[in-house]
C-alpha atoms as a PDB file:
ATOM      1  CA  MET A   1      10.374 -34.630  12.487  1.00  0.00           C
ATOM      2  CA  ALA A   2      11.685 -33.311   9.181  1.00  0.00           C
ATOM      3  CA  ARG A   3      10.428 -30.268   7.560  1.00  0.00           C
ATOM      4  CA  SER A   4       9.992 -29.884   3.799  1.00  0.00           C
ATOM      5  CA  PRO A   5      11.170 -26.643   2.276  1.00  0.00           C
ATOM      6  CA  GLN A   6       7.999 -24.324   1.683  1.00  0.00           C
ATOM      7  CA  LYS A   7       7.599 -23.277  -1.887  1.00  0.00           C
ATOM      8  CA  PRO A   8       7.732 -19.553  -2.737  1.00  0.00           C
ATOM      9  CA  VAL A   9       4.590 -17.935  -2.975  1.00  0.00           C
ATOM     10  CA  GLU A  10       3.963 -16.256  -6.330  1.00  0.00           C
ATOM     11  CA  PRO A  11       2.248 -12.747  -6.241  1.00  0.00           C
ATOM     12  CA  ASP A  12      -1.196 -12.480  -7.709  1.00  0.00           C
ATOM     13  CA  PRO A  13      -1.179 -10.227 -10.882  1.00  0.00           C
ATOM     14  CA  GLU A  14      -4.636  -9.356 -10.697  1.00  0.00           C
ATOM     15  CA  ALA A  15      -4.253  -8.162  -7.105  1.00  0.00           C
ATOM     16  CA  GLU A  16      -1.040  -6.132  -7.697  1.00  0.00           C
ATOM     17  CA  ALA A  17      -2.875  -4.354 -10.629  1.00  0.00           C
ATOM     18  CA  ARG A  18      -5.923  -3.508  -8.278  1.00  0.00           C
ATOM     19  CA  LEU A  19      -3.494  -2.213  -5.558  1.00  0.00           C
ATOM     20  CA  GLU A  20      -1.560  -0.075  -7.971  1.00  0.00           C
ATOM     21  CA  GLN A  21      -4.945   1.269  -9.326  1.00  0.00           C
ATOM     22  CA  GLU A  22      -5.923   2.017  -5.665  1.00  0.00           C
ATOM     23  CA  ILE A  23      -2.611   3.716  -5.304  1.00  0.00           C
ATOM     24  CA  ALA A  24      -3.079   5.980  -8.434  1.00  0.00           C
ATOM     25  CA  SER A  25      -6.602   6.947  -7.457  1.00  0.00           C
ATOM     26  CA  LEU A  26      -5.463   7.875  -3.753  1.00  0.00           C
ATOM     27  CA  ALA A  27      -2.684   9.919  -5.257  1.00  0.00           C
ATOM     28  CA  LYS A  28      -4.707  11.747  -7.760  1.00  0.00           C
ATOM     29  CA  ARG A  29      -7.438  12.301  -5.044  1.00  0.00           C
ATOM     30  CA  HIS A  30      -5.102  13.707  -2.528  1.00  0.00           C
ATOM     31  CA  ARG A  31      -2.820  15.504  -4.657  1.00  0.00           C
ATOM     32  CA  VAL A  32       0.344  13.567  -3.739  1.00  0.00           C
ATOM     33  CA  SER A  33       2.692  11.293  -5.669  1.00  0.00           C
ATOM     34  CA  PRO A  34       2.203   7.439  -5.748  1.00  0.00           C
ATOM     35  CA  ALA A  35       5.460   7.099  -4.203  1.00  0.00           C
ATOM     36  CA  ILE A  36       4.018   8.946  -1.133  1.00  0.00           C
ATOM     37  CA  ILE A  37       1.216   6.469  -0.874  1.00  0.00           C
ATOM     38  CA  ARG A  38       3.495   3.507  -1.216  1.00  0.00           C
ATOM     39  CA  GLU A  39       5.622   4.782   1.604  1.00  0.00           C
ATOM     40  CA  ILE A  40       2.663   5.135   3.696  1.00  0.00           C
ATOM     41  CA  ILE A  41       1.584   1.424   2.841  1.00  0.00           C
ATOM     42  CA  ARG A  42       5.056   0.289   3.648  1.00  0.00           C
ATOM     43  CA  ARG A  43       5.253   1.969   6.972  1.00  0.00           C
ATOM     44  CA  SER A  44       1.803   1.358   8.223  1.00  0.00           C
ATOM     45  CA  GLY A  45       1.946  -2.257   7.064  1.00  0.00           C
ATOM     46  CA  SER A  46      -1.807  -2.027   5.913  1.00  0.00           C
ATOM     47  CA  SER A  47      -3.143  -1.380   2.333  1.00  0.00           C
ATOM     48  CA  GLU A  48      -6.686  -0.366   3.782  1.00  0.00           C
ATOM     49  CA  LYS A  49      -7.987   2.799   2.199  1.00  0.00           C
ATOM     50  CA  SER A  50      -9.219   4.369   5.457  1.00  0.00           C
ATOM     51  CA  SER A  51      -5.962   3.809   7.409  1.00  0.00           C
ATOM     52  CA  ILE A  52      -3.971   5.158   4.416  1.00  0.00           C
ATOM     53  CA  GLU A  53      -6.143   8.161   4.227  1.00  0.00           C
ATOM     54  CA  ARG A  54      -5.805   8.867   8.047  1.00  0.00           C
ATOM     55  CA  GLU A  55      -1.880   8.516   7.910  1.00  0.00           C
ATOM     56  CA  LEU A  56      -1.904  10.924   4.859  1.00  0.00           C
ATOM     57  CA  GLN A  57      -3.965  13.466   6.757  1.00  0.00           C
ATOM     58  CA  LYS A  58      -1.492  13.225   9.826  1.00  0.00           C
ATOM     59  CA  SER A  59       1.465  13.903   7.679  1.00  0.00           C
ATOM     60  CA  LYS A  60      -0.375  16.817   5.974  1.00  0.00           C
ATOM     61  CA  ALA A  61      -1.039  18.307   9.338  1.00  0.00           C
ATOM     62  CA  ARG A  62       2.672  18.304  10.088  1.00  0.00           C
ATOM     63  CA  ARG A  63       3.639  20.477   7.218  1.00  0.00           C
END
């Protein structure tokens, strides 16, 4: 059985814009840089707002 090569999936620009807007609002709300929010998303693997806020609170508690 031969497999055909999969086509690369193009990212949805609308979804990307929504995610960037969410990152900016979370960064402003919690007074951290957007890079910190992106790092939390990358480490946790989830872009769900509640899980990001939970991880952010954990990291603030360590300071």
